[in-house]
């Protein structure tokens, strides 16, 4: 085999490798975009679950008040916990907005 033929074969192989590398790079970008989309969806779903759990707690608390099953101390403790949770959320939101 001539040197020229060997060089041509090597050039073809290099071109094929470059094309494969470009395809893999494109695939990586697609996978990264999908990953970000799924992370956002997960965060949204997690937040929605938290909201629904809070609504469920409030609903149960309201049912307890209406039925008279909870005493005043338990009610005060539950309300205080909600206030602490809200304060913590506000702190986190404040911290997040100040760091952006």
N, C-alpha and C. Protein backbone atom coordinates (compact mmCIF):
# COMPACT_ATOMS: atom_id res chain seq x y z
N UNK A 1 0.84 -1.17 0.00
CA UNK A 1 0.00 0.00 0.00
C UNK A 1 0.89 1.23 0.00
N UNK A 2 0.52 2.15 -0.82
CA UNK A 2 1.31 3.36 -0.96
C UNK A 2 1.09 4.30 0.21
N UNK A 3 2.04 5.16 0.41
CA UNK A 3 1.96 6.14 1.48
C UNK A 3 0.75 7.05 1.29
N UNK A 4 0.47 7.42 0.05
CA UNK A 4 -0.67 8.28 -0.27
C UNK A 4 -1.98 7.60 0.12
N UNK A 5 -2.09 6.33 -0.14
CA UNK A 5 -3.30 5.58 0.22
C UNK A 5 -3.47 5.50 1.74
N UNK A 6 -2.36 5.29 2.43
CA UNK A 6 -2.41 5.23 3.89
C UNK A 6 -2.86 6.57 4.47
N UNK A 7 -2.35 7.65 3.89
CA UNK A 7 -2.74 8.98 4.34
C UNK A 7 -4.22 9.20 4.08
N UNK A 8 -4.70 8.79 2.92
CA UNK A 8 -6.12 8.93 2.59
C UNK A 8 -7.00 8.15 3.57
N UNK A 9 -6.59 6.94 3.90
CA UNK A 9 -7.34 6.11 4.84
C UNK A 9 -7.37 6.78 6.22
N UNK A 10 -6.23 7.28 6.63
CA UNK A 10 -6.15 7.97 7.93
C UNK A 10 -7.04 9.20 7.93
N UNK A 11 -7.04 9.97 6.84
CA UNK A 11 -7.89 11.16 6.74
C UNK A 11 -9.37 10.77 6.86
N UNK A 12 -9.75 9.69 6.17
CA UNK A 12 -11.14 9.22 6.24
C UNK A 12 -11.51 8.81 7.67
N UNK A 13 -10.59 8.13 8.33
CA UNK A 13 -10.84 7.71 9.71
C UNK A 13 -10.95 8.92 10.65
N UNK A 14 -10.10 9.91 10.43
CA UNK A 14 -10.15 11.12 11.25
C UNK A 14 -11.47 11.84 11.02
N UNK A 15 -11.89 11.95 9.76
CA UNK A 15 -13.18 12.59 9.45
C UNK A 15 -14.32 11.85 10.12
N UNK A 16 -14.27 10.52 10.08
CA UNK A 16 -15.31 9.71 10.70
C UNK A 16 -15.33 9.93 12.21
N UNK A 17 -14.14 9.99 12.80
CA UNK A 17 -14.05 10.24 14.24
C UNK A 17 -14.56 11.63 14.61
N UNK A 18 -14.24 12.61 13.79
CA UNK A 18 -14.71 13.97 14.04
C UNK A 18 -16.23 14.05 13.94
N UNK A 19 -16.78 13.35 12.94
CA UNK A 19 -18.24 13.32 12.79
C UNK A 19 -18.88 12.62 13.98
N UNK A 20 -18.29 11.52 14.41
CA UNK A 20 -18.81 10.80 15.57
C UNK A 20 -18.72 11.68 16.83
N UNK A 21 -17.62 12.39 16.97
CA UNK A 21 -17.45 13.29 18.12
C UNK A 21 -18.51 14.39 18.10
N UNK A 22 -18.79 14.93 16.92
CA UNK A 22 -19.80 15.98 16.79
C UNK A 22 -21.19 15.43 17.12
N UNK A 23 -21.49 14.22 16.65
CA UNK A 23 -22.77 13.59 16.97
C UNK A 23 -22.92 13.36 18.47
N UNK A 24 -21.84 12.90 19.09
CA UNK A 24 -21.87 12.68 20.53
C UNK A 24 -22.03 14.00 21.29
N UNK A 25 -21.40 15.03 20.79
CA UNK A 25 -21.52 16.36 21.42
C UNK A 25 -22.97 16.85 21.32
N UNK A 26 -23.59 16.68 20.16
CA UNK A 26 -25.00 17.06 19.98
C UNK A 26 -25.90 16.25 20.91
N UNK A 27 -25.63 14.96 20.99
CA UNK A 27 -26.43 14.10 21.87
C UNK A 27 -26.26 14.52 23.33
N UNK A 28 -25.05 14.87 23.71
CA UNK A 28 -24.79 15.34 25.07
C UNK A 28 -25.60 16.60 25.37
N UNK A 29 -25.63 17.53 24.43
CA UNK A 29 -26.40 18.76 24.63
C UNK A 29 -27.89 18.46 24.81
N UNK A 30 -28.40 17.52 24.01
CA UNK A 30 -29.80 17.14 24.14
C UNK A 30 -30.08 16.49 25.50
N UNK A 31 -29.19 15.63 25.91
CA UNK A 31 -29.36 14.95 27.20
C UNK A 31 -29.26 15.96 28.35
N UNK A 32 -28.35 16.90 28.25
CA UNK A 32 -28.23 17.92 29.29
C UNK A 32 -29.48 18.79 29.35
N UNK A 33 -30.04 19.13 28.20
CA UNK A 33 -31.27 19.93 28.17
C UNK A 33 -32.42 19.14 28.79
N UNK A 34 -32.51 17.87 28.46
CA UNK A 34 -33.56 17.03 29.04
C UNK A 34 -33.36 16.89 30.54
N UNK A 35 -32.13 16.77 30.97
CA UNK A 35 -31.81 16.67 32.40
C UNK A 35 -32.28 17.92 33.14
N UNK A 36 -32.00 19.07 32.59
CA UNK A 36 -32.44 20.33 33.21
C UNK A 36 -33.96 20.41 33.26
N UNK A 37 -34.60 19.98 32.19
CA UNK A 37 -36.06 19.99 32.13
C UNK A 37 -36.63 19.07 33.21
N UNK A 38 -36.05 17.90 33.37
CA UNK A 38 -36.52 16.94 34.37
C UNK A 38 -36.24 17.44 35.79
N UNK A 39 -35.12 18.12 35.99
CA UNK A 39 -34.83 18.70 37.31
C UNK A 39 -35.87 19.75 37.67
N UNK A 40 -36.22 20.57 36.69
CA UNK A 40 -37.24 21.61 36.93
C UNK A 40 -38.58 20.96 37.24
N UNK A 41 -38.93 19.93 36.47
CA UNK A 41 -40.19 19.22 36.71
C UNK A 41 -40.21 18.60 38.10
N UNK A 42 -39.09 18.01 38.50
CA UNK A 42 -38.99 17.42 39.83
C UNK A 42 -39.16 18.48 40.91
N UNK A 43 -38.51 19.62 40.75
CA UNK A 43 -38.63 20.69 41.73
C UNK A 43 -40.07 21.19 41.79
N UNK A 44 -40.71 21.35 40.63
CA UNK A 44 -42.10 21.80 40.60
C UNK A 44 -43.02 20.79 41.28
N UNK A 45 -42.81 19.51 40.99
CA UNK A 45 -43.64 18.48 41.59
C UNK A 45 -43.42 18.39 43.10
N UNK A 46 -42.17 18.53 43.53
CA UNK A 46 -41.87 18.51 44.96
C UNK A 46 -42.56 19.67 45.66
N UNK A 47 -42.50 20.84 45.06
CA UNK A 47 -43.16 22.01 45.64
C UNK A 47 -44.67 21.79 45.69
N UNK A 48 -45.22 21.23 44.64
CA UNK A 48 -46.66 20.97 44.62
C UNK A 48 -47.06 19.98 45.71
N UNK A 49 -46.26 18.95 45.90
CA UNK A 49 -46.52 17.98 46.97
C UNK A 49 -46.50 18.67 48.32
N UNK A 50 -45.50 19.52 48.54
CA UNK A 50 -45.42 20.25 49.82
C UNK A 50 -46.66 21.10 50.04
N UNK A 51 -47.10 21.78 48.99
CA UNK A 51 -48.29 22.63 49.10
C UNK A 51 -49.52 21.77 49.43
N UNK A 52 -49.66 20.66 48.73
CA UNK A 52 -50.80 19.78 48.98
C UNK A 52 -50.75 19.18 50.39
N UNK A 53 -49.55 18.83 50.85
CA UNK A 53 -49.43 18.31 52.22
C UNK A 53 -49.82 19.38 53.23
N UNK A 54 -49.41 20.62 52.98
CA UNK A 54 -49.79 21.71 53.87
C UNK A 54 -51.30 21.92 53.85
N UNK A 55 -51.90 21.87 52.68
CA UNK A 55 -53.35 22.02 52.58
C UNK A 55 -54.05 20.90 53.33
N UNK A 56 -53.51 19.70 53.21
CA UNK A 56 -54.07 18.56 53.92
C UNK A 56 -53.98 18.76 55.43
N UNK A 57 -52.83 19.24 55.92
CA UNK A 57 -52.68 19.51 57.35
C UNK A 57 -53.69 20.55 57.81
N UNK A 58 -53.82 21.61 57.01
CA UNK A 58 -54.76 22.68 57.37
C UNK A 58 -56.19 22.15 57.38
N UNK A 59 -56.51 21.32 56.40
CA UNK A 59 -57.85 20.74 56.33
C UNK A 59 -58.12 19.87 57.56
N UNK A 60 -57.15 19.05 57.93
CA UNK A 60 -57.31 18.20 59.11
C UNK A 60 -57.43 19.05 60.37
N UNK A 61 -56.64 20.11 60.43
CA UNK A 61 -56.69 21.02 61.56
C UNK A 61 -58.07 21.67 61.65
N UNK A 62 -58.57 22.12 60.50
CA UNK A 62 -59.89 22.76 60.47
C UNK A 62 -60.97 21.75 60.87
N UNK A 63 -60.87 20.52 60.41
CA UNK A 63 -61.83 19.49 60.80
C UNK A 63 -61.79 19.26 62.31
N UNK A 64 -60.59 19.26 62.84
CA UNK A 64 -60.43 19.07 64.29
C UNK A 64 -61.07 20.20 65.08
N UNK A 65 -60.95 21.41 64.57
CA UNK A 65 -61.54 22.56 65.25
C UNK A 65 -63.06 22.47 65.20
N UNK A 66 -63.60 22.14 64.05
CA UNK A 66 -65.04 22.07 63.88
C UNK A 66 -65.64 20.96 64.74
N UNK A 67 -64.96 19.87 64.84
CA UNK A 67 -65.49 18.74 65.59
C UNK A 67 -65.16 18.84 67.08
N UNK A 68 -64.29 19.78 67.44
CA UNK A 68 -63.93 19.96 68.84
C UNK A 68 -63.02 18.87 69.37
N UNK A 69 -62.31 18.18 68.50
CA UNK A 69 -61.45 17.07 68.92
C UNK A 69 -60.08 17.54 69.41
N UNK A 70 -59.69 18.72 69.07
CA UNK A 70 -58.37 19.22 69.49
C UNK A 70 -58.55 20.20 70.62
N UNK A 71 -57.67 20.11 71.58
CA UNK A 71 -57.75 21.12 72.63
C UNK A 71 -56.99 22.36 72.22
N UNK A 72 -57.15 23.42 72.96
CA UNK A 72 -56.60 24.72 72.60
C UNK A 72 -55.08 24.68 72.55
N UNK A 73 -54.44 23.94 73.43
CA UNK A 73 -52.96 23.88 73.45
C UNK A 73 -52.43 23.26 72.16
N UNK A 74 -53.02 22.17 71.70
CA UNK A 74 -52.58 21.54 70.46
C UNK A 74 -52.77 22.49 69.28
N UNK A 75 -53.88 23.20 69.29
CA UNK A 75 -54.16 24.16 68.23
C UNK A 75 -53.11 25.27 68.20
N UNK A 76 -52.78 25.80 69.38
CA UNK A 76 -51.76 26.86 69.46
C UNK A 76 -50.41 26.34 68.98
N UNK A 77 -50.06 25.13 69.38
CA UNK A 77 -48.77 24.54 68.95
C UNK A 77 -48.73 24.37 67.43
N UNK A 78 -49.82 23.91 66.86
CA UNK A 78 -49.87 23.72 65.40
C UNK A 78 -49.75 25.05 64.68
N UNK A 79 -50.46 26.07 65.17
CA UNK A 79 -50.39 27.39 64.54
C UNK A 79 -48.98 27.96 64.66
N UNK A 80 -48.37 27.81 65.83
CA UNK A 80 -46.99 28.30 66.01
C UNK A 80 -46.03 27.59 65.07
N UNK A 81 -46.23 26.30 64.85
CA UNK A 81 -45.37 25.57 63.92
C UNK A 81 -45.54 26.09 62.49
N UNK A 82 -46.78 26.38 62.10
CA UNK A 82 -47.02 26.95 60.78
C UNK A 82 -46.32 28.31 60.64
N UNK A 83 -46.38 29.10 61.68
CA UNK A 83 -45.73 30.42 61.63
C UNK A 83 -44.22 30.24 61.51
N UNK A 84 -43.64 29.30 62.24
CA UNK A 84 -42.19 29.05 62.12
C UNK A 84 -41.84 28.57 60.72
N UNK A 85 -42.67 27.70 60.16
CA UNK A 85 -42.44 27.21 58.79
C UNK A 85 -42.50 28.36 57.78
N UNK A 86 -43.47 29.23 57.94
CA UNK A 86 -43.60 30.39 57.04
C UNK A 86 -42.39 31.30 57.19
N UNK A 87 -41.96 31.55 58.43
CA UNK A 87 -40.77 32.39 58.65
C UNK A 87 -39.54 31.78 57.99
N UNK A 88 -39.40 30.46 58.10
CA UNK A 88 -38.26 29.79 57.48
C UNK A 88 -38.32 29.92 55.95
N UNK A 89 -39.50 29.78 55.39
CA UNK A 89 -39.66 29.95 53.93
C UNK A 89 -39.29 31.37 53.52
N UNK A 90 -39.73 32.34 54.28
CA UNK A 90 -39.41 33.73 53.97
C UNK A 90 -37.91 33.98 54.05
N UNK A 91 -37.26 33.39 55.04
CA UNK A 91 -35.80 33.54 55.16
C UNK A 91 -35.10 32.95 53.94
N UNK A 92 -35.54 31.76 53.54
CA UNK A 92 -34.93 31.11 52.39
C UNK A 92 -35.16 31.90 51.11
N UNK A 93 -36.37 32.43 50.94
CA UNK A 93 -36.66 33.25 49.77
C UNK A 93 -35.81 34.52 49.78
N UNK A 94 -35.69 35.12 50.94
CA UNK A 94 -34.87 36.33 51.07
C UNK A 94 -33.42 36.04 50.74
N UNK A 95 -32.92 34.93 51.27
CA UNK A 95 -31.53 34.54 51.01
C UNK A 95 -31.32 34.26 49.51
N UNK A 96 -32.29 33.58 48.91
CA UNK A 96 -32.19 33.23 47.49
C UNK A 96 -32.19 34.48 46.61
N UNK A 97 -33.09 35.44 46.91
CA UNK A 97 -33.17 36.63 46.08
C UNK A 97 -31.97 37.55 46.29
N UNK A 98 -31.39 37.54 47.49
CA UNK A 98 -30.22 38.37 47.75
C UNK A 98 -28.96 37.81 47.11
N UNK A 99 -28.93 36.52 46.87
CA UNK A 99 -27.74 35.88 46.27
C UNK A 99 -27.80 35.85 44.76
N UNK A 100 -28.88 36.28 44.15
CA UNK A 100 -28.98 36.30 42.68
C UNK A 100 -28.45 37.53 42.09
